[in-house]
Amino acid sequence: MSGDLSELDRARLRWRARRGLLENDLIITRFLDAYETQLTETDVRALTQLFEMGDNELLDVFLERQELSGPYDDPTIRKLVEQMKAL
């Protein structure tokens, strides 16, 4: 799937990315706008896992008030979060 998500895959990923906090939505949408066409299957799996995190917890990670831990402490997730924070 490296860099060639189908339109359905893209729509599903964007739907899954919708968050309850506007701040998270903005960060994730900006990331997807920039990197969506470059995502690998591994990246999509990592994003799907990251999107299971609670909204407040996720925002704390984006704002560097909290570190990724437990099942979210994964090299691919860390890479994606760093890309999101850099935008």
PDB file of N, CA and C in Angstrom:
ATOM      1  N   MET A   1       0.829  -1.182   0.000  1.00  0.00           N
ATOM      2  CA  MET A   1       0.000   0.000   0.000  1.00  0.00           C
ATOM      3  C   MET A   1       0.876   1.250   0.000  1.00  0.00           C
ATOM      4  N   SER A   2       2.149   1.125  -0.068  1.00  0.00           N
ATOM      5  CA  SER A   2       3.068   2.250   0.034  1.00  0.00           C
ATOM      6  C   SER A   2       2.710   3.389  -0.902  1.00  0.00           C
ATOM      7  N   GLY A   3       2.175   4.463  -0.327  1.00  0.00           N
ATOM      8  CA  GLY A   3       1.901   5.653  -1.093  1.00  0.00           C
ATOM      9  C   GLY A   3       0.767   5.561  -2.086  1.00  0.00           C
ATOM     10  N   ASP A   4      -0.017   4.510  -2.072  1.00  0.00           N
ATOM     11  CA  ASP A   4      -1.102   4.402  -3.050  1.00  0.00           C
ATOM     12  C   ASP A   4      -2.415   3.963  -2.405  1.00  0.00           C
ATOM     13  N   LEU A   5      -2.869   4.753  -1.448  1.00  0.00           N
ATOM     14  CA  LEU A   5      -4.152   4.493  -0.815  1.00  0.00           C
ATOM     15  C   LEU A   5      -5.264   4.701  -1.831  1.00  0.00           C
ATOM     16  N   SER A   6      -6.224   3.798  -1.820  1.00  0.00           N
ATOM     17  CA  SER A   6      -7.385   3.983  -2.687  1.00  0.00           C
ATOM     18  C   SER A   6      -8.227   5.129  -2.134  1.00  0.00           C
ATOM     19  N   GLU A   7      -9.136   5.617  -2.943  1.00  0.00           N
ATOM     20  CA  GLU A   7     -10.026   6.692  -2.479  1.00  0.00           C
ATOM     21  C   GLU A   7     -10.827   6.248  -1.266  1.00  0.00           C
ATOM     22  N   LEU A   8     -11.260   4.985  -1.268  1.00  0.00           N
ATOM     23  CA  LEU A   8     -12.005   4.452  -0.129  1.00  0.00           C
ATOM     24  C   LEU A   8     -11.119   4.402   1.118  1.00  0.00           C
ATOM     25  N   ASP A   9      -9.861   3.951   0.951  1.00  0.00           N
ATOM     26  CA  ASP A   9      -8.928   3.922   2.080  1.00  0.00           C
ATOM     27  C   ASP A   9      -8.700   5.320   2.633  1.00  0.00           C
ATOM     28  N   ARG A  10      -8.561   6.303   1.737  1.00  0.00           N
ATOM     29  CA  ARG A  10      -8.355   7.694   2.159  1.00  0.00           C
ATOM     30  C   ARG A  10      -9.571   8.207   2.935  1.00  0.00           C
ATOM     31  N   ALA A  11     -10.751   7.919   2.419  1.00  0.00           N
ATOM     32  CA  ALA A  11     -11.977   8.371   3.084  1.00  0.00           C
ATOM     33  C   ALA A  11     -12.109   7.724   4.464  1.00  0.00           C
ATOM     34  N   ARG A  12     -11.802   6.440   4.551  1.00  0.00           N
ATOM     35  CA  ARG A  12     -11.883   5.742   5.839  1.00  0.00           C
ATOM     36  C   ARG A  12     -10.893   6.317   6.841  1.00  0.00           C
ATOM     37  N   LEU A  13      -9.664   6.580   6.370  1.00  0.00           N
ATOM     38  CA  LEU A  13      -8.645   7.131   7.252  1.00  0.00           C
ATOM     39  C   LEU A  13      -9.057   8.513   7.744  1.00  0.00           C
ATOM     40  N   ARG A  14      -9.549   9.339   6.871  1.00  0.00           N
ATOM     41  CA  ARG A  14      -9.975  10.691   7.272  1.00  0.00           C
ATOM     42  C   ARG A  14     -11.182  10.619   8.225  1.00  0.00           C
ATOM     43  N   TRP A  15     -12.092   9.691   7.976  1.00  0.00           N
ATOM     44  CA  TRP A  15     -13.245   9.540   8.877  1.00  0.00           C
ATOM     45  C   TRP A  15     -12.768   9.089  10.255  1.00  0.00           C
ATOM     46  N   ARG A  16     -11.846   8.139  10.281  1.00  0.00           N
ATOM     47  CA  ARG A  16     -11.319   7.619  11.545  1.00  0.00           C
ATOM     48  C   ARG A  16     -10.548   8.710  12.298  1.00  0.00           C
ATOM     49  N   ALA A  17      -9.980   9.657  11.549  1.00  0.00           N
ATOM     50  CA  ALA A  17      -9.166  10.718  12.136  1.00  0.00           C
ATOM     51  C   ALA A  17      -9.995  11.810  12.804  1.00  0.00           C
ATOM     52  N   ARG A  18     -11.291  11.847  12.547  1.00  0.00           N
ATOM     53  CA  ARG A  18     -12.133  12.898  13.133  1.00  0.00           C
ATOM     54  C   ARG A  18     -12.128  12.770  14.643  1.00  0.00           C
ATOM     55  N   ARG A  19     -11.922  13.906  15.294  1.00  0.00           N
ATOM     56  CA  ARG A  19     -11.781  13.915  16.737  1.00  0.00           C
ATOM     57  C   ARG A  19     -12.824  14.799  17.383  1.00  0.00           C
ATOM     58  N   GLY A  20     -12.965  14.677  18.693  1.00  0.00           N
ATOM     59  CA  GLY A  20     -13.898  15.499  19.442  1.00  0.00           C
ATOM     60  C   GLY A  20     -13.359  16.875  19.757  1.00  0.00           C
ATOM     61  N   LEU A  21     -12.053  17.037  19.681  1.00  0.00           N
ATOM     62  CA  LEU A  21     -11.437  18.337  19.942  1.00  0.00           C
ATOM     63  C   LEU A  21     -10.970  18.953  18.627  1.00  0.00           C
ATOM     64  N   LEU A  22     -11.354  20.183  18.389  1.00  0.00           N
ATOM     65  CA  LEU A  22     -10.989  20.886  17.162  1.00  0.00           C
ATOM     66  C   LEU A  22      -9.475  20.945  16.978  1.00  0.00           C
ATOM     67  N   GLU A  23      -8.742  21.141  18.067  1.00  0.00           N
ATOM     68  CA  GLU A  23      -7.285  21.237  17.978  1.00  0.00           C
ATOM     69  C   GLU A  23      -6.692  19.967  17.372  1.00  0.00           C
ATOM     70  N   ASN A  24      -7.159  18.815  17.825  1.00  0.00           N
ATOM     71  CA  ASN A  24      -6.688  17.544  17.276  1.00  0.00           C
ATOM     72  C   ASN A  24      -7.064  17.427  15.805  1.00  0.00           C
ATOM     73  N   ASP A  25      -8.294  17.790  15.480  1.00  0.00           N
ATOM     74  CA  ASP A  25      -8.739  17.745  14.076  1.00  0.00           C
ATOM     75  C   ASP A  25      -7.819  18.565  13.190  1.00  0.00           C
ATOM     76  N   LEU A  26      -7.478  19.754  13.618  1.00  0.00           N
ATOM     77  CA  LEU A  26      -6.634  20.636  12.814  1.00  0.00           C
ATOM     78  C   LEU A  26      -5.242  20.049  12.604  1.00  0.00           C
ATOM     79  N   ILE A  27      -4.650  19.522  13.664  1.00  0.00           N
ATOM     80  CA  ILE A  27      -3.318  18.930  13.574  1.00  0.00           C
ATOM     81  C   ILE A  27      -3.327  17.722  12.653  1.00  0.00           C
ATOM     82  N   ILE A  28      -4.292  16.847  12.838  1.00  0.00           N
ATOM     83  CA  ILE A  28      -4.342  15.615  12.046  1.00  0.00           C
ATOM     84  C   ILE A  28      -4.690  15.915  10.588  1.00  0.00           C
ATOM     85  N   THR A  29      -5.626  16.823  10.366  1.00  0.00           N
ATOM     86  CA  THR A  29      -6.000  17.176   8.987  1.00  0.00           C
ATOM     87  C   THR A  29      -4.818  17.789   8.242  1.00  0.00           C
ATOM     88  N   ARG A  30      -4.090  18.671   8.897  1.00  0.00           N
ATOM     89  CA  ARG A  30      -2.903  19.272   8.283  1.00  0.00           C
ATOM     90  C   ARG A  30      -1.886  18.187   7.912  1.00  0.00           C
ATOM     91  N   PHE A  31      -1.706  17.215   8.807  1.00  0.00           N
ATOM     92  CA  PHE A  31      -0.790  16.101   8.546  1.00  0.00           C
ATOM     93  C   PHE A  31      -1.266  15.289   7.338  1.00  0.00           C
ATOM     94  N   LEU A  32      -2.543  14.929   7.324  1.00  0.00           N
ATOM     95  CA  LEU A  32      -3.056  14.127   6.211  1.00  0.00           C
ATOM     96  C   LEU A  32      -2.983  14.896   4.897  1.00  0.00           C
ATOM     97  N   ASP A  33      -3.251  16.182   4.922  1.00  0.00           N
ATOM     98  CA  ASP A  33      -3.133  16.984   3.708  1.00  0.00           C
ATOM     99  C   ASP A  33      -1.714  16.930   3.155  1.00  0.00           C
ATOM    100  N   ALA A  34      -0.724  16.920   4.039  1.00  0.00           N
ATOM    101  CA  ALA A  34       0.673  16.940   3.615  1.00  0.00           C
ATOM    102  C   ALA A  34       1.225  15.564   3.259  1.00  0.00           C
ATOM    103  N   TYR A  35       0.809  14.513   3.983  1.00  0.00           N
ATOM    104  CA  TYR A  35       1.466  13.214   3.865  1.00  0.00           C
ATOM    105  C   TYR A  35       0.589  12.055   3.388  1.00  0.00           C
ATOM    106  N   GLU A  36      -0.682  12.290   3.205  1.00  0.00           N
ATOM    107  CA  GLU A  36      -1.602  11.200   2.886  1.00  0.00           C
ATOM    108  C   GLU A  36      -1.128  10.330   1.718  1.00  0.00           C
ATOM    109  N   THR A  37      -0.631  10.935   0.679  1.00  0.00           N
ATOM    110  CA  THR A  37      -0.221  10.159  -0.507  1.00  0.00           C
ATOM    111  C   THR A  37       1.073   9.384  -0.287  1.00  0.00           C
ATOM    112  N   GLN A  38       1.778   9.655   0.797  1.00  0.00           N
ATOM    113  CA  GLN A  38       3.049   8.989   1.077  1.00  0.00           C
ATOM    114  C   GLN A  38       2.937   7.903   2.147  1.00  0.00           C
ATOM    115  N   LEU A  39       1.765   7.763   2.758  1.00  0.00           N
ATOM    116  CA  LEU A  39       1.607   6.813   3.862  1.00  0.00           C
ATOM    117  C   LEU A  39       1.735   5.373   3.390  1.00  0.00           C
ATOM    118  N   THR A  40       2.445   4.586   4.180  1.00  0.00           N
ATOM    119  CA  THR A  40       2.567   3.155   3.921  1.00  0.00           C
ATOM    120  C   THR A  40       1.485   2.407   4.695  1.00  0.00           C
ATOM    121  N   GLU A  41       1.358   1.149   4.432  1.00  0.00           N
ATOM    122  CA  GLU A  41       0.402   0.320   5.171  1.00  0.00           C
ATOM    123  C   GLU A  41       0.745   0.321   6.659  1.00  0.00           C
ATOM    124  N   THR A  42       2.037   0.290   6.980  1.00  0.00           N
ATOM    125  CA  THR A  42       2.486   0.349   8.372  1.00  0.00           C
ATOM    126  C   THR A  42       2.074   1.667   9.012  1.00  0.00           C
ATOM    127  N   ASP A  43       2.218   2.763   8.270  1.00  0.00           N
ATOM    128  CA  ASP A  43       1.801   4.071   8.775  1.00  0.00           C
ATOM    129  C   ASP A  43       0.307   4.104   9.057  1.00  0.00           C
ATOM    130  N   VAL A  44      -0.480   3.560   8.153  1.00  0.00           N
ATOM    131  CA  VAL A  44      -1.941   3.557   8.324  1.00  0.00           C
ATOM    132  C   VAL A  44      -2.327   2.743   9.556  1.00  0.00           C
ATOM    133  N   ARG A  45      -1.684   1.598   9.751  1.00  0.00           N
ATOM    134  CA  ARG A  45      -1.955   0.799  10.958  1.00  0.00           C
ATOM    135  C   ARG A  45      -1.588   1.578  12.218  1.00  0.00           C
ATOM    136  N   ALA A  46      -0.449   2.272  12.183  1.00  0.00           N
ATOM    137  CA  ALA A  46      -0.010   3.047  13.340  1.00  0.00           C
ATOM    138  C   ALA A  46      -0.965   4.210  13.612  1.00  0.00           C
ATOM    139  N   LEU A  47      -1.415   4.882  12.565  1.00  0.00           N
ATOM    140  CA  LEU A  47      -2.383   5.969  12.740  1.00  0.00           C
ATOM    141  C   LEU A  47      -3.683   5.449  13.321  1.00  0.00           C
ATOM    142  N   THR A  48      -4.140   4.328  12.826  1.00  0.00           N
ATOM    143  CA  THR A  48      -5.377   3.731  13.325  1.00  0.00           C
ATOM    144  C   THR A  48      -5.247   3.440  14.817  1.00  0.00           C
ATOM    145  N   GLN A  49      -4.096   2.944  15.221  1.00  0.00           N
ATOM    146  CA  GLN A  49      -3.860   2.683  16.639  1.00  0.00           C
ATOM    147  C   GLN A  49      -3.820   3.998  17.417  1.00  0.00           C
ATOM    148  N   LEU A  50      -3.134   5.001  16.889  1.00  0.00           N
ATOM    149  CA  LEU A  50      -3.051   6.294  17.560  1.00  0.00           C
ATOM    150  C   LEU A  50      -4.426   6.918  17.736  1.00  0.00           C
ATOM    151  N   PHE A  51      -5.300   6.746  16.748  1.00  0.00           N
ATOM    152  CA  PHE A  51      -6.638   7.329  16.806  1.00  0.00           C
ATOM    153  C   PHE A  51      -7.513   6.678  17.866  1.00  0.00           C
ATOM    154  N   GLU A  52      -7.061   5.587  18.472  1.00  0.00           N
ATOM    155  CA  GLU A  52      -7.785   4.962  19.572  1.00  0.00           C
ATOM    156  C   GLU A  52      -7.542   5.704  20.892  1.00  0.00           C
ATOM    157  N   MET A  53      -6.520   6.554  20.904  1.00  0.00           N
ATOM    158  CA  MET A  53      -6.188   7.323  22.109  1.00  0.00           C
ATOM    159  C   MET A  53      -7.289   8.345  22.383  1.00  0.00           C
ATOM    160  N   GLY A  54      -7.553   8.616  23.635  1.00  0.00           N
ATOM    161  CA  GLY A  54      -8.550   9.616  24.011  1.00  0.00           C
ATOM    162  C   GLY A  54      -8.150  11.005  23.529  1.00  0.00           C
ATOM    163  N   ASP A  55      -9.133  11.855  23.280  1.00  0.00           N
ATOM    164  CA  ASP A  55      -8.874  13.190  22.734  1.00  0.00           C
ATOM    165  C   ASP A  55      -7.960  14.030  23.611  1.00  0.00           C
ATOM    166  N   ASN A  56      -8.228  14.108  24.891  1.00  0.00           N
ATOM    167  CA  ASN A  56      -7.402  14.933  25.781  1.00  0.00           C
ATOM    168  C   ASN A  56      -5.979  14.387  25.884  1.00  0.00           C
ATOM    169  N   GLU A  57      -5.870  13.082  25.957  1.00  0.00           N
ATOM    170  CA  GLU A  57      -4.558  12.445  26.021  1.00  0.00           C
ATOM    171  C   GLU A  57      -3.767  12.711  24.734  1.00  0.00           C
ATOM    172  N   LEU A  58      -4.442  12.619  23.594  1.00  0.00           N
ATOM    173  CA  LEU A  58      -3.791  12.864  22.309  1.00  0.00           C
ATOM    174  C   LEU A  58      -3.324  14.320  22.210  1.00  0.00           C
ATOM    175  N   LEU A  59      -4.161  15.242  22.623  1.00  0.00           N
ATOM    176  CA  LEU A  59      -3.768  16.651  22.598  1.00  0.00           C
ATOM    177  C   LEU A  59      -2.565  16.888  23.507  1.00  0.00           C
ATOM    178  N   ASP A  60      -2.543  16.253  24.674  1.00  0.00           N
ATOM    179  CA  ASP A  60      -1.393  16.384  25.566  1.00  0.00           C
ATOM    180  C   ASP A  60      -0.108  15.884  24.899  1.00  0.00           C
ATOM    181  N   VAL A  61      -0.200  14.838  24.107  1.00  0.00           N
ATOM    182  CA  VAL A  61       0.964  14.337  23.369  1.00  0.00           C
ATOM    183  C   VAL A  61       1.391  15.367  22.327  1.00  0.00           C
ATOM    184  N   PHE A  62       0.438  15.900  21.569  1.00  0.00           N
ATOM    185  CA  PHE A  62       0.761  16.907  20.555  1.00  0.00           C
ATOM    186  C   PHE A  62       1.405  18.147  21.173  1.00  0.00           C
ATOM    187  N   LEU A  63       0.937  18.537  22.352  1.00  0.00           N
ATOM    188  CA  LEU A  63       1.445  19.735  23.021  1.00  0.00           C
ATOM    189  C   LEU A  63       2.653  19.437  23.909  1.00  0.00           C
ATOM    190  N   GLU A  64       3.130  18.201  23.865  1.00  0.00           N
ATOM    191  CA  GLU A  64       4.308  17.745  24.608  1.00  0.00           C
ATOM    192  C   GLU A  64       4.143  17.861  26.119  1.00  0.00           C
ATOM    193  N   ARG A  65       2.903  17.721  26.580  1.00  0.00           N
ATOM    194  CA  ARG A  65       2.637  17.688  28.016  1.00  0.00           C
ATOM    195  C   ARG A  65       2.675  16.256  28.532  1.00  0.00           C
ATOM    196  N   GLN A  66       2.678  15.309  27.593  1.00  0.00           N
ATOM    197  CA  GLN A  66       2.654  13.889  27.929  1.00  0.00           C
ATOM    198  C   GLN A  66       3.423  13.139  26.849  1.00  0.00           C
ATOM    199  N   GLU A  67       4.099  12.056  27.248  1.00  0.00           N
ATOM    200  CA  GLU A  67       4.818  11.201  26.305  1.00  0.00           C
ATOM    201  C   GLU A  67       3.925  10.041  25.885  1.00  0.00           C
ATOM    202  N   LEU A  68       4.189   9.519  24.714  1.00  0.00           N
ATOM    203  CA  LEU A  68       3.502   8.293  24.299  1.00  0.00           C
ATOM    204  C   LEU A  68       3.932   7.168  25.219  1.00  0.00           C
ATOM    205  N   SER A  69       2.986   6.334  25.629  1.00  0.00           N
ATOM    206  CA  SER A  69       3.303   5.230  26.529  1.00  0.00           C
ATOM    207  C   SER A  69       2.407   4.043  26.209  1.00  0.00           C
ATOM    208  N   GLY A  70       2.741   2.932  26.825  1.00  0.00           N
ATOM    209  CA  GLY A  70       1.953   1.714  26.645  1.00  0.00           C
ATOM    210  C   GLY A  70       1.914   1.292  25.186  1.00  0.00           C
ATOM    211  N   PRO A  71       0.737   0.943  24.691  1.00  0.00           N
ATOM    212  CA  PRO A  71       0.635   0.448  23.308  1.00  0.00           C
ATOM    213  C   PRO A  71       0.935   1.531  22.259  1.00  0.00           C
ATOM    214  N   TYR A  72       0.976   2.786  22.684  1.00  0.00           N
ATOM    215  CA  TYR A  72       1.241   3.888  21.753  1.00  0.00           C
ATOM    216  C   TYR A  72       2.731   4.218  21.648  1.00  0.00           C
ATOM    217  N   ASP A  73       3.535   3.623  22.520  1.00  0.00           N
ATOM    218  CA  ASP A  73       4.981   3.850  22.499  1.00  0.00           C
ATOM    219  C   ASP A  73       5.598   2.930  21.448  1.00  0.00           C
ATOM    220  N   ASP A  74       5.489   3.354  20.202  1.00  0.00           N
ATOM    221  CA  ASP A  74       5.903   2.567  19.042  1.00  0.00           C
ATOM    222  C   ASP A  74       6.711   3.485  18.122  1.00  0.00           C
ATOM    223  N   PRO A  75       7.801   3.002  17.524  1.00  0.00           N
ATOM    224  CA  PRO A  75       8.628   3.865  16.674  1.00  0.00           C
ATOM    225  C   PRO A  75       7.855   4.510  15.516  1.00  0.00           C
ATOM    226  N   THR A  76       6.961   3.788  14.895  1.00  0.00           N
ATOM    227  CA  THR A  76       6.201   4.345  13.777  1.00  0.00           C
ATOM    228  C   THR A  76       5.242   5.415  14.268  1.00  0.00           C
ATOM    229  N   ILE A  77       4.567   5.165  15.379  1.00  0.00           N
ATOM    230  CA  ILE A  77       3.660   6.165  15.945  1.00  0.00           C
ATOM    231  C   ILE A  77       4.450   7.406  16.348  1.00  0.00           C
ATOM    232  N   ARG A  78       5.613   7.205  16.963  1.00  0.00           N
ATOM    233  CA  ARG A  78       6.445   8.349  17.357  1.00  0.00           C
ATOM    234  C   ARG A  78       6.832   9.187  16.137  1.00  0.00           C
ATOM    235  N   LYS A  79       7.210   8.521  15.055  1.00  0.00           N
ATOM    236  CA  LYS A  79       7.597   9.226  13.831  1.00  0.00           C
ATOM    237  C   LYS A  79       6.425  10.061  13.308  1.00  0.00           C
ATOM    238  N   LEU A  80       5.252   9.467  13.267  1.00  0.00           N
ATOM    239  CA  LEU A  80       4.076  10.164  12.754  1.00  0.00           C
ATOM    240  C   LEU A  80       3.696  11.347  13.638  1.00  0.00           C
ATOM    241  N   VAL A  81       3.761  11.161  14.949  1.00  0.00           N
ATOM    242  CA  VAL A  81       3.445  12.258  15.877  1.00  0.00           C
ATOM    243  C   VAL A  81       4.434  13.405  15.697  1.00  0.00           C
ATOM    244  N   GLU A  82       5.712  13.086  15.529  1.00  0.00           N
ATOM    245  CA  GLU A  82       6.721  14.136  15.304  1.00  0.00           C
ATOM    246  C   GLU A  82       6.424  14.897  14.011  1.00  0.00           C
ATOM    247  N   GLN A  83       6.000  14.181  12.970  1.00  0.00           N
ATOM    248  CA  GLN A  83       5.642  14.847  11.724  1.00  0.00           C
ATOM    249  C   GLN A  83       4.443  15.764  11.940  1.00  0.00           C
ATOM    250  N   MET A  84       3.473  15.313  12.701  1.00  0.00           N
ATOM    251  CA  MET A  84       2.287  16.123  12.978  1.00  0.00           C
ATOM    252  C   MET A  84       2.663  17.380  13.745  1.00  0.00           C
ATOM    253  N   LYS A  85       3.521  17.240  14.745  1.00  0.00           N
ATOM    254  CA  LYS A  85       3.908  18.385  15.566  1.00  0.00           C
ATOM    255  C   LYS A  85       4.745  19.377  14.762  1.00  0.00           C
ATOM    256  N   ALA A  86       5.446  18.919  13.750  1.00  0.00           N
ATOM    257  CA  ALA A  86       6.336  19.791  12.973  1.00  0.00           C
ATOM    258  C   ALA A  86       5.568  20.678  11.980  1.00  0.00           C
ATOM    259  N   LEU A  87       4.308  20.332  11.708  1.00  0.00           N
ATOM    260  CA  LEU A  87       3.558  21.113  10.705  1.00  0.00           C
ATOM    261  C   LEU A  87       2.986  22.392  11.259  1.00  0.00           C
TER     262      LEU A  87
END
